[in-house]
N, C-alpha and C. Protein backbone atom coordinates (compact mmCIF):
# COMPACT_ATOMS: atom_id res chain seq x y z
N MET A 1 0.84 -1.18 0.00
CA MET A 1 0.00 0.00 0.00
C MET A 1 0.88 1.24 0.00
N ALA A 2 0.59 2.17 -0.88
CA ALA A 2 1.37 3.40 -0.97
C ALA A 2 0.69 4.54 -0.22
N ILE A 3 1.48 5.36 0.41
CA ILE A 3 0.99 6.53 1.15
C ILE A 3 1.68 7.75 0.56
N ARG A 4 0.92 8.80 0.23
CA ARG A 4 1.51 10.01 -0.35
C ARG A 4 1.88 11.00 0.74
N ASP A 5 3.04 11.67 0.55
CA ASP A 5 3.47 12.70 1.49
C ASP A 5 3.08 14.08 0.97
N GLU A 6 3.50 15.11 1.68
CA GLU A 6 3.13 16.49 1.31
C GLU A 6 3.76 16.95 -0.01
N PHE A 7 4.73 16.22 -0.54
CA PHE A 7 5.37 16.57 -1.80
C PHE A 7 4.80 15.77 -2.97
N GLY A 8 3.78 14.97 -2.74
CA GLY A 8 3.17 14.17 -3.79
C GLY A 8 3.88 12.87 -4.06
N LEU A 9 4.87 12.54 -3.23
CA LEU A 9 5.58 11.27 -3.40
C LEU A 9 4.86 10.18 -2.63
N SER A 10 4.70 9.05 -3.26
CA SER A 10 4.14 7.88 -2.59
C SER A 10 5.27 7.09 -1.96
N LYS A 11 4.99 6.47 -0.82
CA LYS A 11 5.99 5.67 -0.12
C LYS A 11 5.56 4.21 -0.13
N LYS A 12 6.56 3.35 -0.26
CA LYS A 12 6.27 1.92 -0.31
C LYS A 12 7.34 1.15 0.45
N ARG A 13 6.93 0.11 1.17
CA ARG A 13 7.85 -0.79 1.88
C ARG A 13 7.62 -2.20 1.36
N LEU A 14 8.73 -2.85 1.01
CA LEU A 14 8.68 -4.22 0.50
C LEU A 14 9.49 -5.14 1.38
N ASP A 15 9.02 -6.35 1.59
CA ASP A 15 9.83 -7.37 2.24
C ASP A 15 10.90 -7.83 1.26
N ILE A 16 12.12 -8.00 1.75
CA ILE A 16 13.19 -8.55 0.91
C ILE A 16 12.93 -10.03 0.66
N GLY A 17 12.39 -10.71 1.65
CA GLY A 17 12.15 -12.14 1.53
C GLY A 17 13.37 -12.92 1.98
N VAL A 18 13.41 -14.19 1.64
CA VAL A 18 14.53 -15.04 2.03
C VAL A 18 15.77 -14.66 1.22
N TRP A 19 16.85 -14.37 1.91
CA TRP A 19 18.13 -14.07 1.24
C TRP A 19 19.24 -14.60 2.11
N ASP A 20 19.85 -15.69 1.69
CA ASP A 20 21.03 -16.24 2.36
C ASP A 20 22.21 -15.41 1.88
N MET A 21 22.55 -14.39 2.63
CA MET A 21 23.60 -13.45 2.23
C MET A 21 24.99 -14.09 2.25
N ASP A 22 25.13 -15.15 3.02
CA ASP A 22 26.41 -15.85 3.07
C ASP A 22 26.66 -16.60 1.76
N ALA A 23 25.60 -17.11 1.13
CA ALA A 23 25.73 -17.91 -0.08
C ALA A 23 25.55 -17.11 -1.37
N SER A 24 24.77 -16.04 -1.32
CA SER A 24 24.46 -15.29 -2.54
C SER A 24 24.75 -13.80 -2.35
N ALA A 25 25.47 -13.22 -3.29
CA ALA A 25 25.86 -11.81 -3.18
C ALA A 25 24.75 -10.84 -3.55
N THR A 26 23.76 -11.27 -4.33
CA THR A 26 22.71 -10.35 -4.77
C THR A 26 21.32 -10.92 -4.55
N VAL A 27 20.37 -10.01 -4.50
CA VAL A 27 18.96 -10.40 -4.47
C VAL A 27 18.18 -9.33 -5.23
N ASN A 28 17.18 -9.78 -5.97
CA ASN A 28 16.27 -8.88 -6.68
C ASN A 28 14.97 -8.80 -5.88
N VAL A 29 14.51 -7.58 -5.64
CA VAL A 29 13.24 -7.36 -4.94
C VAL A 29 12.28 -6.71 -5.93
N ALA A 30 11.21 -7.41 -6.29
CA ALA A 30 10.25 -6.90 -7.27
C ALA A 30 9.47 -5.73 -6.66
N HIS A 31 9.49 -4.58 -7.35
CA HIS A 31 8.82 -3.39 -6.81
C HIS A 31 7.35 -3.29 -7.19
N GLY A 32 6.91 -3.94 -8.26
CA GLY A 32 5.50 -3.95 -8.64
C GLY A 32 4.97 -2.64 -9.18
N LEU A 33 5.85 -1.75 -9.65
CA LEU A 33 5.41 -0.46 -10.17
C LEU A 33 5.16 -0.52 -11.68
N SER A 34 4.44 0.47 -12.17
CA SER A 34 4.13 0.53 -13.60
C SER A 34 5.36 0.93 -14.42
N GLY A 35 5.21 0.91 -15.73
CA GLY A 35 6.31 1.25 -16.63
C GLY A 35 6.81 2.67 -16.49
N THR A 36 5.99 3.59 -15.99
CA THR A 36 6.46 4.96 -15.76
C THR A 36 6.78 5.22 -14.29
N GLU A 37 6.11 4.54 -13.39
CA GLU A 37 6.35 4.77 -11.96
C GLU A 37 7.77 4.39 -11.55
N TRP A 38 8.28 3.27 -12.05
CA TRP A 38 9.60 2.82 -11.61
C TRP A 38 10.68 3.83 -11.94
N GLN A 39 10.48 4.62 -13.00
CA GLN A 39 11.46 5.63 -13.39
C GLN A 39 11.45 6.85 -12.46
N SER A 40 10.42 6.93 -11.62
CA SER A 40 10.32 8.07 -10.70
C SER A 40 10.72 7.69 -9.27
N ILE A 41 11.28 6.51 -9.08
CA ILE A 41 11.70 6.08 -7.74
C ILE A 41 12.75 7.03 -7.19
N ARG A 42 12.55 7.43 -5.94
CA ARG A 42 13.48 8.33 -5.24
C ARG A 42 13.81 7.75 -3.88
N ARG A 43 14.93 8.15 -3.31
CA ARG A 43 15.32 7.83 -1.92
C ARG A 43 15.09 6.37 -1.53
N VAL A 44 15.82 5.50 -2.14
CA VAL A 44 15.74 4.07 -1.82
C VAL A 44 16.65 3.75 -0.65
N GLN A 45 16.16 2.94 0.27
CA GLN A 45 16.95 2.46 1.40
C GLN A 45 16.53 1.03 1.71
N ALA A 46 17.47 0.22 2.14
CA ALA A 46 17.15 -1.15 2.56
C ALA A 46 17.64 -1.35 3.99
N THR A 47 16.85 -2.05 4.77
CA THR A 47 17.21 -2.41 6.13
C THR A 47 17.43 -3.92 6.18
N ILE A 48 18.61 -4.31 6.62
CA ILE A 48 18.99 -5.72 6.70
C ILE A 48 19.03 -6.13 8.17
N ARG A 49 18.47 -7.29 8.48
CA ARG A 49 18.55 -7.80 9.86
C ARG A 49 19.30 -9.12 9.90
N ASN A 50 20.02 -9.33 10.99
CA ASN A 50 20.81 -10.56 11.11
C ASN A 50 19.90 -11.73 11.46
N ASP A 51 20.45 -12.93 11.45
CA ASP A 51 19.66 -14.14 11.68
C ASP A 51 18.99 -14.16 13.05
N GLY A 52 19.63 -13.57 14.04
CA GLY A 52 19.05 -13.54 15.38
C GLY A 52 18.01 -12.45 15.56
N ASP A 53 17.78 -11.64 14.51
CA ASP A 53 16.84 -10.51 14.56
C ASP A 53 17.20 -9.54 15.68
N LEU A 54 18.52 -9.39 15.92
CA LEU A 54 19.00 -8.53 17.00
C LEU A 54 19.73 -7.29 16.51
N VAL A 55 20.21 -7.32 15.24
CA VAL A 55 20.96 -6.20 14.69
C VAL A 55 20.34 -5.80 13.35
N TYR A 56 20.02 -4.51 13.20
CA TYR A 56 19.47 -3.97 11.97
C TYR A 56 20.48 -2.98 11.39
N GLN A 57 20.79 -3.11 10.10
CA GLN A 57 21.74 -2.23 9.44
C GLN A 57 21.18 -1.79 8.09
N ASN A 58 21.57 -0.60 7.65
CA ASN A 58 21.05 -0.05 6.40
C ASN A 58 22.00 -0.27 5.23
N LEU A 59 21.40 -0.46 4.06
CA LEU A 59 22.12 -0.40 2.80
C LEU A 59 21.67 0.88 2.12
N GLU A 60 22.58 1.59 1.52
CA GLU A 60 22.26 2.82 0.82
C GLU A 60 22.45 2.62 -0.68
N SER A 61 21.92 3.55 -1.47
CA SER A 61 22.10 3.49 -2.92
C SER A 61 23.54 3.75 -3.30
N GLY A 62 23.99 3.10 -4.34
CA GLY A 62 25.35 3.28 -4.84
C GLY A 62 25.41 2.79 -6.27
N THR A 63 26.59 2.75 -6.83
CA THR A 63 26.76 2.22 -8.17
C THR A 63 27.93 1.25 -8.17
N SER A 64 27.91 0.34 -9.09
CA SER A 64 28.97 -0.66 -9.14
C SER A 64 30.28 -0.07 -9.67
N THR A 65 30.26 1.17 -10.16
CA THR A 65 31.49 1.77 -10.69
C THR A 65 32.32 2.44 -9.60
N PHE A 66 31.75 2.60 -8.41
CA PHE A 66 32.47 3.19 -7.29
C PHE A 66 32.71 2.12 -6.24
N THR A 67 33.66 2.36 -5.36
CA THR A 67 33.91 1.42 -4.28
C THR A 67 32.67 1.35 -3.41
N PRO A 68 32.10 0.17 -3.21
CA PRO A 68 30.87 0.07 -2.43
C PRO A 68 31.13 0.22 -0.93
N ASP A 69 30.07 0.46 -0.23
CA ASP A 69 30.10 0.46 1.22
C ASP A 69 30.69 -0.88 1.65
N PRO A 70 31.41 -0.97 2.78
CA PRO A 70 32.01 -2.24 3.18
C PRO A 70 30.99 -3.35 3.46
N MET A 71 29.72 -3.01 3.54
CA MET A 71 28.70 -4.02 3.78
C MET A 71 28.00 -4.42 2.49
N GLY A 72 27.62 -3.44 1.69
CA GLY A 72 26.87 -3.68 0.47
C GLY A 72 26.18 -2.41 0.03
N MET A 73 25.29 -2.55 -0.96
CA MET A 73 24.58 -1.37 -1.45
C MET A 73 23.39 -1.77 -2.31
N ILE A 74 22.57 -0.77 -2.61
CA ILE A 74 21.49 -0.90 -3.57
C ILE A 74 22.10 -0.45 -4.89
N THR A 75 22.32 -1.38 -5.82
CA THR A 75 23.08 -1.02 -7.02
C THR A 75 22.24 -0.37 -8.09
N ASN A 76 21.04 -0.86 -8.32
CA ASN A 76 20.22 -0.27 -9.38
C ASN A 76 18.77 -0.71 -9.24
N ARG A 77 17.97 -0.12 -10.10
CA ARG A 77 16.57 -0.51 -10.23
C ARG A 77 16.25 -0.52 -11.71
N ASP A 78 15.33 -1.39 -12.08
CA ASP A 78 14.91 -1.46 -13.47
C ASP A 78 13.40 -1.56 -13.51
N SER A 79 12.83 -1.91 -14.63
CA SER A 79 11.38 -1.93 -14.77
C SER A 79 10.70 -2.98 -13.90
N THR A 80 11.47 -3.89 -13.31
CA THR A 80 10.91 -4.97 -12.51
C THR A 80 11.43 -5.01 -11.07
N ASN A 81 12.72 -4.77 -10.87
CA ASN A 81 13.37 -5.02 -9.58
C ASN A 81 14.19 -3.87 -9.04
N ILE A 82 14.39 -3.92 -7.73
CA ILE A 82 15.42 -3.15 -7.04
C ILE A 82 16.47 -4.19 -6.65
N VAL A 83 17.73 -3.94 -6.99
CA VAL A 83 18.79 -4.93 -6.81
C VAL A 83 19.66 -4.57 -5.61
N LEU A 84 19.79 -5.52 -4.68
CA LEU A 84 20.63 -5.36 -3.49
C LEU A 84 21.85 -6.26 -3.62
N VAL A 85 23.00 -5.75 -3.17
CA VAL A 85 24.25 -6.49 -3.26
C VAL A 85 24.98 -6.43 -1.93
N ARG A 86 25.54 -7.56 -1.51
CA ARG A 86 26.42 -7.55 -0.34
C ARG A 86 27.85 -7.73 -0.84
N VAL A 87 28.81 -7.18 -0.12
CA VAL A 87 30.21 -7.23 -0.49
C VAL A 87 30.82 -8.57 -0.07
N THR A 88 31.54 -9.22 -0.97
CA THR A 88 32.24 -10.45 -0.64
C THR A 88 33.29 -10.16 0.43
N GLY A 89 33.25 -10.94 1.51
CA GLY A 89 34.17 -10.75 2.63
C GLY A 89 33.73 -9.66 3.59
N GLY A 90 32.59 -9.04 3.33
CA GLY A 90 32.08 -7.97 4.19
C GLY A 90 31.26 -8.50 5.35
N VAL A 91 30.66 -7.58 6.07
CA VAL A 91 29.89 -7.90 7.27
C VAL A 91 28.77 -8.91 7.00
N PHE A 92 28.08 -8.76 5.87
CA PHE A 92 26.92 -9.62 5.58
C PHE A 92 27.31 -10.97 4.97
N ASP A 93 28.54 -11.13 4.57
CA ASP A 93 29.03 -12.39 4.00
C ASP A 93 29.49 -13.27 5.15
N SER A 94 28.50 -13.74 5.94
CA SER A 94 28.83 -14.51 7.13
C SER A 94 27.68 -15.42 7.53
N ALA A 95 27.97 -16.38 8.41
CA ALA A 95 26.95 -17.30 8.91
C ALA A 95 25.86 -16.57 9.69
N ALA A 96 26.15 -15.37 10.18
CA ALA A 96 25.14 -14.59 10.92
C ALA A 96 24.07 -14.01 10.01
N HIS A 97 24.25 -14.18 8.69
CA HIS A 97 23.28 -13.68 7.71
C HIS A 97 22.95 -14.78 6.69
N SER A 98 22.78 -16.00 7.19
CA SER A 98 22.52 -17.12 6.28
C SER A 98 21.06 -17.58 6.28
N THR A 99 20.35 -17.40 7.36
CA THR A 99 18.96 -17.83 7.44
C THR A 99 18.10 -16.63 7.80
N ALA A 100 17.29 -16.17 6.87
CA ALA A 100 16.46 -14.98 7.11
C ALA A 100 15.47 -15.23 8.24
N PRO A 101 15.47 -14.37 9.27
CA PRO A 101 14.54 -14.56 10.38
C PRO A 101 13.09 -14.43 9.93
N GLY A 102 12.29 -15.43 10.24
CA GLY A 102 10.88 -15.40 9.86
C GLY A 102 10.66 -15.40 8.35
N GLY A 103 11.69 -15.81 7.58
CA GLY A 103 11.57 -15.84 6.13
C GLY A 103 11.74 -14.49 5.46
N ASN A 104 12.19 -13.48 6.22
CA ASN A 104 12.36 -12.14 5.64
C ASN A 104 13.66 -11.51 6.14
N ARG A 105 14.58 -11.24 5.22
CA ARG A 105 15.88 -10.66 5.56
C ARG A 105 15.75 -9.21 6.01
N GLY A 106 14.72 -8.51 5.57
CA GLY A 106 14.55 -7.10 5.94
C GLY A 106 13.59 -6.41 4.99
N TRP A 107 13.80 -5.11 4.76
CA TRP A 107 12.85 -4.32 3.99
C TRP A 107 13.54 -3.35 3.06
N VAL A 108 12.86 -3.05 1.96
CA VAL A 108 13.28 -1.98 1.06
C VAL A 108 12.21 -0.90 1.14
N ASP A 109 12.63 0.31 1.47
CA ASP A 109 11.72 1.46 1.52
C ASP A 109 12.10 2.42 0.40
N PHE A 110 11.10 2.96 -0.28
CA PHE A 110 11.39 3.94 -1.32
C PHE A 110 10.20 4.85 -1.54
N GLU A 111 10.49 5.95 -2.20
CA GLU A 111 9.47 6.93 -2.58
C GLU A 111 9.45 7.04 -4.08
N TYR A 112 8.26 7.31 -4.64
CA TYR A 112 8.11 7.42 -6.08
C TYR A 112 6.88 8.28 -6.40
N ILE A 113 6.76 8.67 -7.65
CA ILE A 113 5.60 9.44 -8.09
C ILE A 113 4.61 8.46 -8.71
N ALA A 114 3.47 8.31 -8.07
CA ALA A 114 2.45 7.37 -8.54
C ALA A 114 1.73 7.90 -9.77
N ASP A 115 1.35 6.99 -10.67
CA ASP A 115 0.57 7.37 -11.86
C ASP A 115 -0.79 7.88 -11.45
């Protein structure tokens, strides 16, 4: 469900779902937006939680052409997905991030202009 703010931007939160970060460096999260809405996505952030559901950490937007955050980043979005990446040998590349608590590794929050 999207909620609009005072600037006309709609906000959306998505479950990341199951992501064994120790075994897989990337995950695609389907945003479910229309062909024009996805191009208006703004301020993307992802919250990652460890297997014990005791530590929450953020991933920020970045690009693969720059040195990524030591943990990972949100690399891009396309007409279907928002792509999250963890850094090999980084904080999330560990047994503490191998089994998503409750079947959900965390959340992706973003704002966009709704059709």
